[in-house]
N, C-alpha and C. Protein backbone atom coordinates (compact mmCIF):
# COMPACT_ATOMS: atom_id res chain seq x y z
N UNK A 1 13.34 94.87 52.27
CA UNK A 1 12.30 95.29 51.36
C UNK A 1 11.63 96.56 51.90
N UNK A 2 11.48 97.53 51.02
CA UNK A 2 10.83 98.79 51.40
C UNK A 2 9.34 98.54 51.66
N UNK A 3 8.79 99.35 52.56
CA UNK A 3 7.38 99.23 52.93
C UNK A 3 6.65 100.52 52.63
N UNK A 4 5.36 100.39 52.41
CA UNK A 4 4.46 101.54 52.33
C UNK A 4 3.64 101.51 53.60
N UNK A 5 3.89 102.46 54.49
CA UNK A 5 3.26 102.48 55.80
C UNK A 5 2.25 103.63 55.85
N UNK A 6 1.00 103.26 56.08
CA UNK A 6 -0.09 104.22 56.17
C UNK A 6 -0.37 104.48 57.65
N UNK A 7 -0.34 105.73 58.06
CA UNK A 7 -0.52 106.07 59.47
C UNK A 7 -2.00 106.23 59.80
N UNK A 8 -2.43 105.56 60.86
CA UNK A 8 -3.80 105.68 61.36
C UNK A 8 -3.86 106.83 62.36
N UNK A 9 -5.06 107.22 62.75
CA UNK A 9 -5.26 108.39 63.61
C UNK A 9 -4.59 108.28 64.97
N UNK A 10 -4.58 107.10 65.58
CA UNK A 10 -3.94 106.94 66.88
C UNK A 10 -2.45 107.23 66.83
N UNK A 11 -1.80 106.78 65.76
CA UNK A 11 -0.36 107.00 65.58
C UNK A 11 -0.10 108.49 65.35
N UNK A 12 -0.89 109.11 64.50
CA UNK A 12 -0.71 110.54 64.24
C UNK A 12 -0.98 111.34 65.50
N UNK A 13 -1.96 110.93 66.28
CA UNK A 13 -2.23 111.60 67.55
C UNK A 13 -1.05 111.54 68.50
N UNK A 14 -0.41 110.38 68.57
CA UNK A 14 0.77 110.25 69.43
C UNK A 14 1.90 111.18 68.98
N UNK A 15 2.12 111.23 67.68
CA UNK A 15 3.24 112.00 67.12
C UNK A 15 2.99 113.50 67.20
N UNK A 16 1.75 113.94 67.00
CA UNK A 16 1.48 115.38 66.91
C UNK A 16 1.11 116.02 68.23
N UNK A 17 0.89 115.23 69.27
CA UNK A 17 0.54 115.81 70.56
C UNK A 17 1.74 116.61 71.09
N UNK A 18 1.57 117.92 71.32
CA UNK A 18 2.70 118.74 71.80
C UNK A 18 3.21 118.30 73.17
N UNK A 19 2.35 117.67 73.96
CA UNK A 19 2.76 117.16 75.27
C UNK A 19 3.13 115.69 75.12
N UNK A 20 4.24 115.46 74.44
CA UNK A 20 4.63 114.09 74.11
C UNK A 20 4.77 113.22 75.35
N UNK A 21 4.05 112.13 75.33
CA UNK A 21 4.17 111.12 76.38
C UNK A 21 5.37 110.25 76.04
N UNK A 22 5.69 109.34 76.93
CA UNK A 22 6.76 108.38 76.65
C UNK A 22 6.43 107.58 75.40
N UNK A 23 5.15 107.19 75.28
CA UNK A 23 4.73 106.44 74.09
C UNK A 23 4.81 107.33 72.84
N UNK A 24 4.47 108.60 72.98
CA UNK A 24 4.55 109.53 71.86
C UNK A 24 5.98 109.72 71.38
N UNK A 25 6.91 109.80 72.31
CA UNK A 25 8.33 109.92 71.95
C UNK A 25 8.80 108.66 71.24
N UNK A 26 8.41 107.50 71.75
CA UNK A 26 8.77 106.23 71.11
C UNK A 26 8.19 106.15 69.70
N UNK A 27 6.96 106.61 69.55
CA UNK A 27 6.31 106.57 68.24
C UNK A 27 7.01 107.51 67.26
N UNK A 28 7.40 108.69 67.72
CA UNK A 28 8.13 109.63 66.85
C UNK A 28 9.47 109.04 66.43
N UNK A 29 10.15 108.37 67.33
CA UNK A 29 11.43 107.71 66.99
C UNK A 29 11.20 106.57 66.00
N UNK A 30 10.12 105.83 66.21
CA UNK A 30 9.77 104.74 65.30
C UNK A 30 9.54 105.30 63.89
N UNK A 31 8.78 106.39 63.80
CA UNK A 31 8.51 107.01 62.51
C UNK A 31 9.81 107.46 61.84
N UNK A 32 10.67 108.12 62.58
CA UNK A 32 11.94 108.59 62.03
C UNK A 32 12.79 107.43 61.53
N UNK A 33 12.78 106.32 62.25
CA UNK A 33 13.57 105.16 61.81
C UNK A 33 13.06 104.63 60.46
N UNK A 34 11.75 104.66 60.26
CA UNK A 34 11.21 104.20 58.98
C UNK A 34 11.50 105.18 57.86
N UNK A 35 11.49 106.45 58.17
CA UNK A 35 11.85 107.46 57.17
C UNK A 35 13.30 107.26 56.77
N UNK A 36 14.18 107.06 57.76
CA UNK A 36 15.61 106.86 57.50
C UNK A 36 15.88 105.58 56.71
N UNK A 37 15.01 104.57 56.85
CA UNK A 37 15.16 103.32 56.09
C UNK A 37 14.67 103.47 54.65
N UNK A 38 14.05 104.59 54.37
CA UNK A 38 13.55 104.82 53.02
C UNK A 38 12.16 104.27 52.77
N UNK A 39 11.47 103.90 53.83
CA UNK A 39 10.10 103.43 53.67
C UNK A 39 9.20 104.61 53.31
N UNK A 40 8.15 104.30 52.56
CA UNK A 40 7.17 105.30 52.15
C UNK A 40 6.17 105.46 53.29
N UNK A 41 6.07 106.67 53.84
CA UNK A 41 5.15 106.95 54.94
C UNK A 41 4.03 107.82 54.39
N UNK A 42 2.80 107.37 54.60
CA UNK A 42 1.66 108.00 53.95
C UNK A 42 0.59 108.38 54.98
N UNK A 43 0.07 109.58 54.84
CA UNK A 43 -1.06 110.02 55.66
C UNK A 43 -2.29 110.05 54.76
N UNK A 44 -3.23 109.12 54.98
CA UNK A 44 -4.46 109.15 54.20
C UNK A 44 -5.33 110.35 54.59
N UNK A 45 -6.00 110.93 53.63
CA UNK A 45 -6.81 112.11 53.88
C UNK A 45 -7.89 111.87 54.94
N UNK A 46 -8.48 110.69 54.96
CA UNK A 46 -9.52 110.41 55.95
C UNK A 46 -8.95 110.44 57.37
N UNK A 47 -7.70 110.07 57.53
CA UNK A 47 -7.06 110.11 58.86
C UNK A 47 -6.77 111.55 59.25
N UNK A 48 -6.33 112.36 58.31
CA UNK A 48 -6.15 113.79 58.57
C UNK A 48 -7.47 114.37 59.06
N UNK A 49 -8.55 114.04 58.39
CA UNK A 49 -9.88 114.51 58.79
C UNK A 49 -10.22 114.10 60.22
N UNK A 50 -10.01 112.83 60.55
CA UNK A 50 -10.36 112.34 61.88
C UNK A 50 -9.58 113.08 62.98
N UNK A 51 -8.28 113.26 62.76
CA UNK A 51 -7.44 113.93 63.76
C UNK A 51 -7.75 115.43 63.80
N UNK A 52 -7.84 116.03 62.63
CA UNK A 52 -8.05 117.48 62.53
C UNK A 52 -9.37 117.92 63.15
N UNK A 53 -10.44 117.17 62.91
CA UNK A 53 -11.74 117.59 63.44
C UNK A 53 -11.73 117.66 64.96
N UNK A 54 -11.03 116.72 65.59
CA UNK A 54 -10.97 116.72 67.06
C UNK A 54 -10.08 117.86 67.56
N UNK A 55 -8.97 118.11 66.88
CA UNK A 55 -8.10 119.22 67.28
C UNK A 55 -8.84 120.56 67.14
N UNK A 56 -9.61 120.70 66.07
CA UNK A 56 -10.40 121.93 65.87
C UNK A 56 -11.48 122.06 66.94
N UNK A 57 -12.17 120.97 67.23
CA UNK A 57 -13.22 121.00 68.24
C UNK A 57 -12.68 121.44 69.59
N UNK A 58 -11.51 120.92 69.94
CA UNK A 58 -10.90 121.21 71.24
C UNK A 58 -10.04 122.48 71.21
N UNK A 59 -10.00 123.15 70.04
CA UNK A 59 -9.21 124.38 69.88
C UNK A 59 -7.74 124.16 70.26
N UNK A 60 -7.17 123.08 69.80
CA UNK A 60 -5.77 122.73 70.11
C UNK A 60 -4.87 123.24 68.98
N UNK A 61 -4.50 124.50 69.08
CA UNK A 61 -3.75 125.19 68.04
C UNK A 61 -2.37 124.56 67.83
N UNK A 62 -1.68 124.24 68.90
CA UNK A 62 -0.35 123.63 68.77
C UNK A 62 -0.43 122.26 68.10
N UNK A 63 -1.43 121.49 68.46
CA UNK A 63 -1.62 120.19 67.84
C UNK A 63 -1.90 120.31 66.35
N UNK A 64 -2.72 121.31 65.97
CA UNK A 64 -3.00 121.56 64.56
C UNK A 64 -1.74 121.94 63.80
N UNK A 65 -0.92 122.79 64.42
CA UNK A 65 0.34 123.19 63.77
C UNK A 65 1.25 121.98 63.57
N UNK A 66 1.32 121.12 64.58
CA UNK A 66 2.16 119.91 64.46
C UNK A 66 1.60 118.96 63.40
N UNK A 67 0.28 118.86 63.31
CA UNK A 67 -0.34 118.02 62.28
C UNK A 67 0.02 118.56 60.89
N UNK A 68 -0.10 119.87 60.70
CA UNK A 68 0.24 120.46 59.41
C UNK A 68 1.71 120.25 59.06
N UNK A 69 2.59 120.36 60.04
CA UNK A 69 4.02 120.11 59.81
C UNK A 69 4.26 118.67 59.38
N UNK A 70 3.60 117.75 60.05
CA UNK A 70 3.76 116.33 59.71
C UNK A 70 3.26 116.07 58.29
N UNK A 71 2.11 116.62 57.96
CA UNK A 71 1.56 116.42 56.61
C UNK A 71 2.49 117.01 55.56
N UNK A 72 3.07 118.16 55.83
CA UNK A 72 3.99 118.80 54.88
C UNK A 72 5.26 117.98 54.68
N UNK A 73 5.62 117.15 55.65
CA UNK A 73 6.88 116.41 55.57
C UNK A 73 6.71 114.98 55.04
N UNK A 74 5.47 114.52 54.90
CA UNK A 74 5.22 113.15 54.46
C UNK A 74 4.33 113.15 53.22
N UNK A 75 4.08 111.96 52.69
CA UNK A 75 3.19 111.84 51.54
C UNK A 75 1.74 111.88 52.02
N UNK A 76 0.91 112.59 51.28
CA UNK A 76 -0.51 112.74 51.61
C UNK A 76 -1.32 112.03 50.55
N UNK A 77 -2.26 111.20 50.97
CA UNK A 77 -3.07 110.42 50.05
C UNK A 77 -4.50 110.96 50.02
N UNK A 78 -4.85 111.73 48.98
CA UNK A 78 -6.20 112.27 48.88
C UNK A 78 -7.24 111.16 48.68
N UNK A 79 -8.45 111.45 49.10
CA UNK A 79 -9.57 110.54 48.87
C UNK A 79 -9.96 110.64 47.40
N UNK A 80 -10.16 109.49 46.78
CA UNK A 80 -10.56 109.45 45.37
C UNK A 80 -11.94 108.81 45.23
N UNK A 81 -12.53 108.97 44.08
CA UNK A 81 -13.80 108.31 43.80
C UNK A 81 -13.62 106.80 43.89
N UNK A 82 -12.51 106.29 43.38
CA UNK A 82 -12.26 104.84 43.43
C UNK A 82 -12.22 104.34 44.87
N UNK A 83 -11.55 105.08 45.76
CA UNK A 83 -11.48 104.62 47.15
C UNK A 83 -12.84 104.73 47.84
N UNK A 84 -13.62 105.75 47.53
CA UNK A 84 -14.95 105.86 48.14
C UNK A 84 -15.87 104.74 47.67
N UNK A 85 -15.77 104.38 46.41
CA UNK A 85 -16.59 103.27 45.91
C UNK A 85 -16.16 101.94 46.53
N UNK A 86 -14.86 101.77 46.72
CA UNK A 86 -14.37 100.55 47.38
C UNK A 86 -14.79 100.53 48.84
N UNK A 87 -14.79 101.69 49.49
CA UNK A 87 -15.25 101.77 50.88
C UNK A 87 -16.71 101.33 50.99
N UNK A 88 -17.52 101.72 50.03
CA UNK A 88 -18.93 101.30 50.03
C UNK A 88 -19.05 99.79 49.89
N UNK A 89 -18.20 99.19 49.06
CA UNK A 89 -18.19 97.73 48.90
C UNK A 89 -17.82 97.07 50.22
N UNK A 90 -16.74 97.53 50.85
CA UNK A 90 -16.31 96.95 52.13
C UNK A 90 -17.39 97.12 53.20
N UNK A 91 -18.01 98.29 53.26
CA UNK A 91 -19.06 98.57 54.24
C UNK A 91 -20.21 97.58 54.07
N UNK A 92 -20.65 97.39 52.82
CA UNK A 92 -21.76 96.48 52.55
C UNK A 92 -21.38 95.03 52.86
N UNK A 93 -20.18 94.62 52.46
CA UNK A 93 -19.73 93.25 52.71
C UNK A 93 -19.68 92.96 54.21
N UNK A 94 -19.18 93.90 54.98
CA UNK A 94 -19.08 93.70 56.43
C UNK A 94 -20.46 93.49 57.04
N UNK A 95 -21.43 94.25 56.59
CA UNK A 95 -22.79 94.11 57.11
C UNK A 95 -23.45 92.83 56.62
N UNK A 96 -23.19 92.44 55.38
CA UNK A 96 -23.75 91.19 54.86
C UNK A 96 -23.23 89.98 55.64
N UNK A 97 -22.01 90.09 56.15
CA UNK A 97 -21.41 89.01 56.94
C UNK A 97 -21.76 89.12 58.43
N UNK A 98 -22.52 90.15 58.78
CA UNK A 98 -22.89 90.36 60.18
C UNK A 98 -21.74 90.87 61.03
N UNK A 99 -20.76 91.54 60.39
CA UNK A 99 -19.58 92.05 61.09
C UNK A 99 -19.36 93.53 60.82
N UNK A 100 -20.34 94.37 61.12
CA UNK A 100 -20.16 95.80 60.85
C UNK A 100 -19.02 96.38 61.68
N UNK A 101 -18.39 97.40 61.13
CA UNK A 101 -17.27 98.04 61.80
C UNK A 101 -17.66 99.33 62.51
N UNK A 102 -18.89 99.76 62.31
CA UNK A 102 -19.44 100.96 62.97
C UNK A 102 -20.95 100.90 62.81
N UNK A 103 -21.65 101.81 63.47
CA UNK A 103 -23.11 101.80 63.35
C UNK A 103 -23.51 102.18 61.92
N UNK A 104 -24.69 101.79 61.53
CA UNK A 104 -25.16 102.04 60.16
C UNK A 104 -25.32 103.52 59.85
N UNK A 105 -25.44 104.35 60.86
CA UNK A 105 -25.67 105.79 60.65
C UNK A 105 -24.37 106.59 60.53
N UNK A 106 -23.22 105.97 60.76
CA UNK A 106 -21.95 106.71 60.69
C UNK A 106 -21.34 106.61 59.31
N UNK A 107 -20.41 107.51 59.03
CA UNK A 107 -19.71 107.49 57.75
C UNK A 107 -18.70 106.33 57.70
N UNK A 108 -18.31 105.83 58.84
CA UNK A 108 -17.37 104.71 58.96
C UNK A 108 -16.03 105.03 58.31
N UNK A 109 -15.30 105.92 58.94
CA UNK A 109 -14.00 106.36 58.43
C UNK A 109 -13.02 105.20 58.26
N UNK A 110 -13.14 104.16 59.09
CA UNK A 110 -12.23 103.03 58.94
C UNK A 110 -12.40 102.33 57.60
N UNK A 111 -13.63 102.27 57.09
CA UNK A 111 -13.84 101.65 55.77
C UNK A 111 -13.22 102.51 54.68
N UNK A 112 -13.26 103.82 54.85
CA UNK A 112 -12.63 104.71 53.88
C UNK A 112 -11.11 104.54 53.96
N UNK A 113 -10.58 104.43 55.17
CA UNK A 113 -9.14 104.21 55.34
C UNK A 113 -8.69 102.92 54.66
N UNK A 114 -9.35 101.81 54.96
CA UNK A 114 -8.90 100.54 54.35
C UNK A 114 -9.08 100.58 52.84
N UNK A 115 -10.10 101.26 52.35
CA UNK A 115 -10.29 101.38 50.90
C UNK A 115 -9.18 102.23 50.28
N UNK A 116 -8.78 103.31 50.95
CA UNK A 116 -7.68 104.13 50.43
C UNK A 116 -6.41 103.29 50.30
N UNK A 117 -6.15 102.47 51.30
CA UNK A 117 -4.96 101.61 51.27
C UNK A 117 -5.12 100.54 50.19
N UNK A 118 -6.28 99.93 50.13
CA UNK A 118 -6.56 98.84 49.20
C UNK A 118 -6.34 99.25 47.75
N UNK A 119 -6.84 100.43 47.37
CA UNK A 119 -6.77 100.84 45.96
C UNK A 119 -5.44 101.46 45.58
N UNK A 120 -4.60 101.83 46.54
CA UNK A 120 -3.33 102.45 46.21
C UNK A 120 -2.38 101.41 45.63
N UNK A 121 -1.75 101.79 44.55
CA UNK A 121 -0.79 100.92 43.89
C UNK A 121 0.55 101.04 44.61
N UNK A 122 0.74 100.17 45.58
CA UNK A 122 1.99 100.15 46.35
C UNK A 122 2.24 98.72 46.80
N UNK A 123 3.51 98.40 46.99
CA UNK A 123 3.86 97.06 47.44
C UNK A 123 4.13 97.07 48.93
N UNK A 124 3.92 95.91 49.55
CA UNK A 124 4.24 95.72 50.96
C UNK A 124 3.55 96.78 51.82
N UNK A 125 2.23 96.90 51.65
CA UNK A 125 1.42 97.91 52.33
C UNK A 125 1.02 97.43 53.72
N UNK A 126 0.99 98.38 54.67
CA UNK A 126 0.51 98.08 56.02
C UNK A 126 0.00 99.37 56.67
N UNK A 127 -1.07 99.24 57.44
CA UNK A 127 -1.56 100.37 58.23
C UNK A 127 -0.91 100.26 59.60
N UNK A 128 -0.24 101.33 60.02
CA UNK A 128 0.33 101.41 61.37
C UNK A 128 -0.75 102.02 62.26
N UNK A 129 -1.14 101.30 63.30
CA UNK A 129 -2.27 101.71 64.11
C UNK A 129 -2.01 101.47 65.59
N UNK A 130 -2.91 101.95 66.41
CA UNK A 130 -2.86 101.65 67.84
C UNK A 130 -3.92 100.61 68.19
N UNK A 131 -4.74 100.24 67.19
CA UNK A 131 -5.81 99.26 67.42
C UNK A 131 -6.11 98.55 66.10
N UNK A 132 -5.59 97.36 65.95
CA UNK A 132 -5.74 96.62 64.70
C UNK A 132 -7.21 96.33 64.41
N UNK A 133 -7.93 95.85 65.43
CA UNK A 133 -9.36 95.59 65.32
C UNK A 133 -9.79 95.04 63.98
N UNK A 134 -10.75 95.72 63.38
CA UNK A 134 -11.32 95.24 62.14
C UNK A 134 -10.56 95.67 60.90
N UNK A 135 -9.56 96.54 61.03
CA UNK A 135 -8.80 96.98 59.85
C UNK A 135 -8.17 95.80 59.14
N UNK A 136 -7.62 94.86 59.92
CA UNK A 136 -6.89 93.74 59.33
C UNK A 136 -7.80 92.74 58.62
N UNK A 137 -9.11 92.89 58.73
CA UNK A 137 -10.02 92.03 57.97
C UNK A 137 -10.00 92.40 56.49
N UNK A 138 -9.51 93.59 56.16
CA UNK A 138 -9.57 94.08 54.79
C UNK A 138 -8.20 94.30 54.15
N UNK A 139 -7.24 94.77 54.94
CA UNK A 139 -5.88 95.02 54.45
C UNK A 139 -4.90 94.71 55.59
N UNK A 140 -3.63 94.64 55.27
CA UNK A 140 -2.62 94.40 56.31
C UNK A 140 -2.60 95.60 57.26
N UNK A 141 -2.65 95.30 58.55
CA UNK A 141 -2.61 96.33 59.59
C UNK A 141 -1.94 95.73 60.80
N UNK A 142 -1.18 96.54 61.53
CA UNK A 142 -0.52 96.05 62.73
C UNK A 142 -0.29 97.22 63.68
N UNK A 143 -0.11 96.86 64.94
CA UNK A 143 0.26 97.85 65.95
C UNK A 143 1.60 98.45 65.51
N UNK A 144 1.72 99.76 65.61
CA UNK A 144 2.91 100.43 65.07
C UNK A 144 4.21 99.85 65.60
N UNK A 145 4.25 99.47 66.89
CA UNK A 145 5.49 98.93 67.46
C UNK A 145 5.91 97.61 66.80
N UNK A 146 4.96 96.89 66.22
CA UNK A 146 5.26 95.60 65.60
C UNK A 146 5.79 95.73 64.18
N UNK A 147 5.71 96.92 63.60
CA UNK A 147 6.18 97.13 62.23
C UNK A 147 7.65 97.53 62.31
N UNK A 148 8.49 96.57 62.00
CA UNK A 148 9.95 96.78 62.11
C UNK A 148 10.58 97.14 60.80
């Protein structure tokens, strides 16, 4: 069965780092294997923002170029009004349950990420991440190595 795999910032960071570590090389091979299987690989706009802002802050030109190349080669999921409204619902629900995912003063990019995945019309959805944490409370998420 084909999968819709949404890449989180940690995974994109591993793949786009010009100084590929052993883990980065493994992650790039993992990504290529999913592309070759015909799985849908998606970069949510909020994740692009998270990675890009840090690359810009650190003036990492090569990393930015690699990020742009990756985005050009995969599907890009823009932020929509529907996903932002769903993110607000998730943010409020998490706080009502006493399980916030970030401080009240932050934009909480993870809530926007899970909302982007939640509202997208796709089957067999999963977020590929380096830290499942609270993502899996809202949508399917797993460590990238576990997504076969």
